[in-house]
Structure formats: C-alpha cells, structure tokens
C-alpha atoms as a PDB file:
ATOM      1  CA  MET A   1       1.013 -22.970-103.572  1.00  0.00           C
ATOM      2  CA  PRO A   2       3.143 -21.278-100.912  1.00  0.00           C
ATOM      3  CA  MET A   3       2.540 -17.621-100.130  1.00  0.00           C
ATOM      4  CA  SER A   4       5.138 -15.148-101.203  1.00  0.00           C
ATOM      5  CA  PHE A   5       5.767 -12.390 -98.727  1.00  0.00           C
ATOM      6  CA  LYS A   6       8.514 -10.207 -97.360  1.00  0.00           C
ATOM      7  CA  PRO A   7      10.574 -11.711 -94.572  1.00  0.00           C
ATOM      8  CA  LEU A   8       8.733 -11.495 -91.253  1.00  0.00           C
ATOM      9  CA  PRO A   9      10.515 -11.224 -87.926  1.00  0.00           C
ATOM     10  CA  PHE A  10       9.412 -14.091 -85.711  1.00  0.00           C
ATOM     11  CA  PHE A  11      10.279 -16.224 -82.719  1.00  0.00           C
ATOM     12  CA  LYS A  12       9.810 -19.971 -82.564  1.00  0.00           C
ATOM     13  CA  MET A  13       9.398 -21.281 -79.045  1.00  0.00           C
ATOM     14  CA  GLY A  14       8.640 -24.725 -77.751  1.00  0.00           C
ATOM     15  CA  SER A  15       7.925 -26.502 -74.519  1.00  0.00           C
ATOM     16  CA  LEU A  16       6.563 -29.891 -73.476  1.00  0.00           C
ATOM     17  CA  GLY A  17       6.658 -31.206 -77.041  1.00  0.00           C
ATOM     18  CA  ASN A  18       4.799 -28.316 -78.690  1.00  0.00           C
ATOM     19  CA  CYS A  19       6.238 -25.404 -80.598  1.00  0.00           C
ATOM     20  CA  TYR A  20       4.647 -22.199 -81.832  1.00  0.00           C
ATOM     21  CA  ILE A  21       5.700 -19.347 -84.070  1.00  0.00           C
ATOM     22  CA  PHE A  22       5.211 -15.891 -82.563  1.00  0.00           C
ATOM     23  CA  ILE A  23       4.742 -12.880 -84.832  1.00  0.00           C
ATOM     24  CA  GLU A  24       3.764  -9.327 -83.889  1.00  0.00           C
ATOM     25  CA  ALA A  25       0.322  -8.260 -85.129  1.00  0.00           C
ATOM     26  CA  LYS A  26       1.676  -5.058 -86.693  1.00  0.00           C
ATOM     27  CA  ASN A  27       3.774  -7.165 -89.096  1.00  0.00           C
ATOM     28  CA  VAL A  28       0.882  -9.264 -90.447  1.00  0.00           C
ATOM     29  CA  GLU A  29      -1.962  -6.772 -90.879  1.00  0.00           C
ATOM     30  CA  LYS A  30      -2.172  -7.330 -94.644  1.00  0.00           C
ATOM     31  CA  TYR A  31      -2.040 -11.133 -94.580  1.00  0.00           C
ATOM     32  CA  SER A  32      -4.750 -13.764 -94.299  1.00  0.00           C
ATOM     33  CA  LEU A  33      -3.932 -15.183 -90.869  1.00  0.00           C
ATOM     34  CA  LYS A  34      -5.505 -18.537 -91.708  1.00  0.00           C
ATOM     35  CA  LYS A  35      -3.322 -18.916 -94.791  1.00  0.00           C
ATOM     36  CA  LEU A  36      -0.244 -17.587 -92.992  1.00  0.00           C
ATOM     37  CA  ALA A  37      -0.708 -20.102 -90.159  1.00  0.00           C
ATOM     38  CA  LYS A  38      -0.912 -22.969 -92.656  1.00  0.00           C
ATOM     39  CA  GLU A  39       2.135 -21.840 -94.616  1.00  0.00           C
ATOM     40  CA  VAL A  40       4.527 -21.130 -91.735  1.00  0.00           C
ATOM     41  CA  SER A  41       3.451 -24.226 -89.764  1.00  0.00           C
ATOM     42  CA  ASP A  42       4.154 -26.572 -92.691  1.00  0.00           C
ATOM     43  CA  THR A  43       7.181 -28.707 -91.827  1.00  0.00           C
ATOM     44  CA  SER A  44       8.317 -29.272 -95.410  1.00  0.00           C
ATOM     45  CA  MET A  45       7.819 -25.824 -96.985  1.00  0.00           C
ATOM     46  CA  GLY A  46       7.523 -23.507 -93.961  1.00  0.00           C
ATOM     47  CA  ILE A  47       9.156 -23.030 -90.594  1.00  0.00           C
ATOM     48  CA  GLY A  48       7.308 -25.950 -89.025  1.00  0.00           C
ATOM     49  CA  ALA A  49       5.245 -25.627 -85.855  1.00  0.00           C
ATOM     50  CA  ASP A  50       2.071 -26.682 -84.083  1.00  0.00           C
ATOM     51  CA  GLY A  51       0.572 -23.280 -84.748  1.00  0.00           C
ATOM     52  CA  LEU A  52       0.921 -19.529 -84.933  1.00  0.00           C
ATOM     53  CA  ILE A  53       0.540 -16.953 -82.183  1.00  0.00           C
ATOM     54  CA  ILE A  54      -0.106 -13.367 -83.208  1.00  0.00           C
ATOM     55  CA  VAL A  55       0.882 -10.955 -80.417  1.00  0.00           C
ATOM     56  CA  ASP A  56      -0.595  -7.447 -80.336  1.00  0.00           C
ATOM     57  CA  THR A  57       1.701  -5.233 -78.282  1.00  0.00           C
ATOM     58  CA  ALA A  58       0.220  -1.916 -79.439  1.00  0.00           C
ATOM     59  CA  LYS A  59      -1.047  -1.075 -75.954  1.00  0.00           C
ATOM     60  CA  PRO A  60      -1.540  -2.889 -72.664  1.00  0.00           C
ATOM     61  CA  PRO A  61      -3.108  -5.221 -71.945  1.00  0.00           C
ATOM     62  CA  PHE A  62      -1.326  -7.139 -74.682  1.00  0.00           C
ATOM     63  CA  LYS A  63      -3.437  -9.592 -76.661  1.00  0.00           C
ATOM     64  CA  MET A  64      -2.660 -12.908 -78.337  1.00  0.00           C
ATOM     65  CA  ARG A  65      -4.479 -14.716 -81.093  1.00  0.00           C
ATOM     66  CA  ILE A  66      -3.667 -18.421 -81.314  1.00  0.00           C
ATOM     67  CA  LEU A  67      -4.143 -20.352 -84.549  1.00  0.00           C
ATOM     68  CA  ASN A  68      -3.718 -24.085 -85.072  1.00  0.00           C
ATOM     69  CA  ARG A  69      -1.505 -25.359 -87.891  1.00  0.00           C
ATOM     70  CA  ASP A  70      -4.590 -25.746 -90.113  1.00  0.00           C
ATOM     71  CA  GLY A  71      -5.413 -22.048 -89.645  1.00  0.00           C
ATOM     72  CA  SER A  72      -8.399 -22.576 -87.357  1.00  0.00           C
ATOM     73  CA  PRO A  73      -8.606 -20.568 -84.135  1.00  0.00           C
ATOM     74  CA  ALA A  74      -7.381 -22.464 -81.089  1.00  0.00           C
ATOM     75  CA  GLU A  75     -10.120 -22.813 -78.514  1.00  0.00           C
ATOM     76  CA  THR A  76      -7.870 -23.370 -75.512  1.00  0.00           C
ATOM     77  CA  VAL A  77      -4.246 -23.973 -74.785  1.00  0.00           C
ATOM     78  CA  SER A  78      -3.653 -25.577 -71.443  1.00  0.00           C
ATOM     79  CA  TYR A  79      -0.792 -27.476 -69.864  1.00  0.00           C
ATOM     80  CA  THR A  80      -0.856 -28.968 -66.421  1.00  0.00           C
ATOM     81  CA  HIS A  81       2.391 -29.874 -64.772  1.00  0.00           C
ATOM     82  CA  LEU A  82       2.103 -31.624 -61.427  1.00  0.00           C
END
C-alpha cells in the first residue's frame, strides 16, 4: 500500500543511464527512509528512479545518504568514464 504524505520538494537527476531522487533531510525526518525509497522509486506508483539520495545541508560538510530502490543502503556508487 502506497504511503500517504504531504508533497515533498525533490529533484530527479540522471546520468549514464541511472537516475536518483534527491530530497533534503530536513523534509523527511518523520518518514521511514527505507519505505520512502521504495515508494518514490516505484515506476508505476511513484516517481520512478534507481534510488533515493537524502542530502543534509544543515551545516558543512554536507552529507548524503544513498538508498537503493529496495530501501537498502547503497554501499558504493562509482562511475568511471575513460
């Protein structure tokens, strides 16, 4: 069952065949990030993406938390372009 929540400001960005949804940490403090990642990444009922990136811009250095579309934490994200 899809989550019901207030509209969240977000950016969807893609490159090299992958796309991620970016949301500021201050906007998702009350949500289960695992469930949120699953819901927004769903291509039929959500926004559709390879995962979710939570960006904490409260104070430098800024931090990012990367979640896969299944809600699990991403271990690494790496692209090599030669």
